[in-house]
N, C-alpha and C. Protein backbone atom coordinates (compact mmCIF):
# COMPACT_ATOMS: atom_id res chain seq x y z
N MET A 1 16.48 -6.18 2.99
CA MET A 1 16.46 -4.91 3.67
C MET A 1 16.37 -5.16 5.18
N THR A 2 17.19 -4.50 5.94
CA THR A 2 17.13 -4.64 7.39
C THR A 2 16.41 -3.43 7.99
N PHE A 3 15.63 -3.69 8.99
CA PHE A 3 14.87 -2.64 9.65
C PHE A 3 15.54 -2.30 10.97
N PRO A 4 15.51 -1.04 11.37
CA PRO A 4 16.07 -0.68 12.68
C PRO A 4 15.20 -1.28 13.79
N THR A 5 15.80 -1.48 14.94
CA THR A 5 15.06 -1.98 16.08
C THR A 5 14.07 -0.92 16.54
N ARG A 6 12.86 -1.35 16.77
CA ARG A 6 11.80 -0.45 17.25
C ARG A 6 11.15 -1.06 18.48
N HIS A 7 10.63 -0.20 19.33
CA HIS A 7 9.88 -0.63 20.50
C HIS A 7 8.51 0.02 20.46
N ARG A 8 7.53 -0.66 21.01
CA ARG A 8 6.17 -0.11 21.10
C ARG A 8 5.85 0.12 22.57
N VAL A 9 5.49 1.35 22.89
CA VAL A 9 5.08 1.72 24.25
C VAL A 9 3.58 1.97 24.19
N ARG A 10 2.86 1.32 25.10
CA ARG A 10 1.41 1.51 25.15
C ARG A 10 0.97 1.84 26.57
N LEU A 11 -0.06 2.66 26.65
CA LEU A 11 -0.68 3.04 27.90
C LEU A 11 -2.05 2.39 27.96
N TRP A 12 -2.34 1.73 29.08
CA TRP A 12 -3.57 0.95 29.22
C TRP A 12 -4.42 1.42 30.38
N PHE A 13 -5.72 1.40 30.17
CA PHE A 13 -6.71 1.57 31.23
C PHE A 13 -7.52 0.29 31.22
N GLY A 14 -7.15 -0.64 32.11
CA GLY A 14 -7.76 -1.98 32.08
C GLY A 14 -7.44 -2.62 30.73
N PRO A 15 -8.46 -3.13 30.02
CA PRO A 15 -8.21 -3.76 28.72
C PRO A 15 -8.16 -2.77 27.55
N HIS A 16 -8.32 -1.48 27.84
CA HIS A 16 -8.40 -0.47 26.79
C HIS A 16 -7.07 0.25 26.59
N GLN A 17 -6.60 0.23 25.35
CA GLN A 17 -5.37 0.94 25.01
C GLN A 17 -5.68 2.41 24.80
N LEU A 18 -4.99 3.27 25.55
CA LEU A 18 -5.24 4.71 25.45
C LEU A 18 -4.23 5.42 24.57
N ALA A 19 -2.99 4.92 24.51
CA ALA A 19 -1.95 5.58 23.74
C ALA A 19 -1.00 4.53 23.18
N ASP A 20 -0.38 4.87 22.06
CA ASP A 20 0.54 3.96 21.38
C ASP A 20 1.69 4.77 20.80
N TYR A 21 2.91 4.32 21.05
CA TYR A 21 4.10 5.01 20.54
C TYR A 21 5.06 3.96 20.00
N ILE A 22 5.60 4.17 18.82
CA ILE A 22 6.61 3.29 18.25
C ILE A 22 7.83 4.12 17.95
N GLY A 23 9.00 3.66 18.44
CA GLY A 23 10.22 4.42 18.21
C GLY A 23 11.46 3.63 18.54
N GLU A 24 12.59 4.28 18.39
CA GLU A 24 13.89 3.68 18.73
C GLU A 24 13.88 3.31 20.21
N PRO A 25 14.68 2.32 20.62
CA PRO A 25 14.67 1.90 22.03
C PRO A 25 14.91 3.02 23.03
N ALA A 26 15.84 3.91 22.77
CA ALA A 26 16.12 5.00 23.72
C ALA A 26 14.92 5.95 23.83
N GLY A 27 14.33 6.29 22.71
CA GLY A 27 13.16 7.17 22.72
C GLY A 27 11.97 6.49 23.38
N ALA A 28 11.82 5.20 23.15
CA ALA A 28 10.73 4.46 23.77
C ALA A 28 10.90 4.41 25.28
N ALA A 29 12.13 4.26 25.74
CA ALA A 29 12.39 4.24 27.19
C ALA A 29 12.05 5.59 27.82
N ARG A 30 12.39 6.68 27.14
CA ARG A 30 12.04 8.01 27.64
C ARG A 30 10.52 8.21 27.66
N HIS A 31 9.86 7.75 26.61
CA HIS A 31 8.41 7.88 26.53
C HIS A 31 7.74 7.05 27.63
N GLU A 32 8.25 5.85 27.83
CA GLU A 32 7.71 4.99 28.90
C GLU A 32 7.85 5.68 30.26
N ALA A 33 9.02 6.23 30.55
CA ALA A 33 9.25 6.90 31.83
C ALA A 33 8.30 8.09 32.00
N ALA A 34 8.10 8.84 30.92
CA ALA A 34 7.21 9.99 30.98
C ALA A 34 5.76 9.55 31.24
N MET A 35 5.33 8.48 30.59
CA MET A 35 3.97 7.98 30.79
C MET A 35 3.78 7.45 32.21
N ARG A 36 4.81 6.80 32.75
CA ARG A 36 4.72 6.29 34.12
C ARG A 36 4.62 7.45 35.13
N ARG A 37 5.36 8.54 34.87
CA ARG A 37 5.26 9.71 35.76
C ARG A 37 3.90 10.39 35.63
N ARG A 38 3.43 10.53 34.40
CA ARG A 38 2.18 11.26 34.14
C ARG A 38 0.96 10.48 34.59
N PHE A 39 0.99 9.14 34.42
CA PHE A 39 -0.17 8.30 34.73
C PHE A 39 0.25 7.16 35.67
N PRO A 40 0.57 7.47 36.92
CA PRO A 40 1.12 6.46 37.82
C PRO A 40 0.18 5.29 38.12
N GLY A 41 -1.10 5.47 37.97
CA GLY A 41 -2.05 4.40 38.27
C GLY A 41 -2.37 3.49 37.11
N LEU A 42 -1.85 3.82 35.91
CA LEU A 42 -2.18 3.03 34.73
C LEU A 42 -1.02 2.14 34.31
N LYS A 43 -1.35 1.07 33.60
CA LYS A 43 -0.33 0.14 33.12
C LYS A 43 0.35 0.71 31.88
N VAL A 44 1.68 0.63 31.85
CA VAL A 44 2.47 1.05 30.70
C VAL A 44 3.32 -0.14 30.27
N THR A 45 3.27 -0.47 28.98
CA THR A 45 4.09 -1.57 28.47
C THR A 45 5.09 -1.03 27.45
N ASN A 46 6.25 -1.67 27.39
CA ASN A 46 7.30 -1.33 26.44
C ASN A 46 7.83 -2.64 25.89
N GLU A 47 7.50 -2.93 24.62
CA GLU A 47 7.83 -4.22 24.02
C GLU A 47 8.62 -4.03 22.73
N PRO A 48 9.64 -4.85 22.51
CA PRO A 48 10.35 -4.79 21.23
C PRO A 48 9.45 -5.30 20.12
N LEU A 49 9.59 -4.72 18.94
CA LEU A 49 8.82 -5.16 17.77
C LEU A 49 9.71 -5.94 16.83
N ARG A 50 9.13 -6.90 16.19
CA ARG A 50 9.82 -7.60 15.10
C ARG A 50 9.56 -6.82 13.82
N ALA A 51 10.40 -7.00 12.83
CA ALA A 51 10.24 -6.29 11.56
C ALA A 51 8.88 -6.56 10.94
N THR A 52 8.30 -7.72 11.20
CA THR A 52 6.99 -8.05 10.63
C THR A 52 5.85 -7.38 11.37
N ASP A 53 6.13 -6.73 12.52
CA ASP A 53 5.09 -6.08 13.30
C ASP A 53 4.76 -4.66 12.83
N TYR A 54 5.57 -4.11 11.94
CA TYR A 54 5.31 -2.76 11.49
C TYR A 54 5.72 -2.61 10.03
N SER A 55 5.15 -1.62 9.39
CA SER A 55 5.46 -1.36 7.99
C SER A 55 6.48 -0.22 7.91
N THR A 56 6.97 0.04 6.72
CA THR A 56 7.92 1.14 6.55
C THR A 56 7.28 2.48 6.87
N ALA A 57 5.96 2.59 6.77
CA ALA A 57 5.27 3.83 7.13
C ALA A 57 5.46 4.14 8.61
N ASP A 58 5.55 3.11 9.45
CA ASP A 58 5.75 3.31 10.89
C ASP A 58 7.13 3.87 11.20
N LEU A 59 8.08 3.71 10.30
CA LEU A 59 9.44 4.17 10.55
C LEU A 59 9.52 5.69 10.59
N HIS A 60 8.53 6.36 10.04
CA HIS A 60 8.56 7.82 9.95
C HIS A 60 7.66 8.48 10.97
N ARG A 61 7.20 7.74 11.97
CA ARG A 61 6.32 8.28 13.01
C ARG A 61 7.11 9.09 13.99
């Protein structure tokens, strides 16, 4: 079974993760841009996920 490409976008306050989003690359890019506009002083990361990083339950988020 092949899994679609997913990206994880996270919002950080120092070492603390405040928000987490997993989605298609285009949606993740939009979410990242929105988080950067909304929280300009906080760190935002956008990382590709491997199929082993998420379960099929995450595909329906």
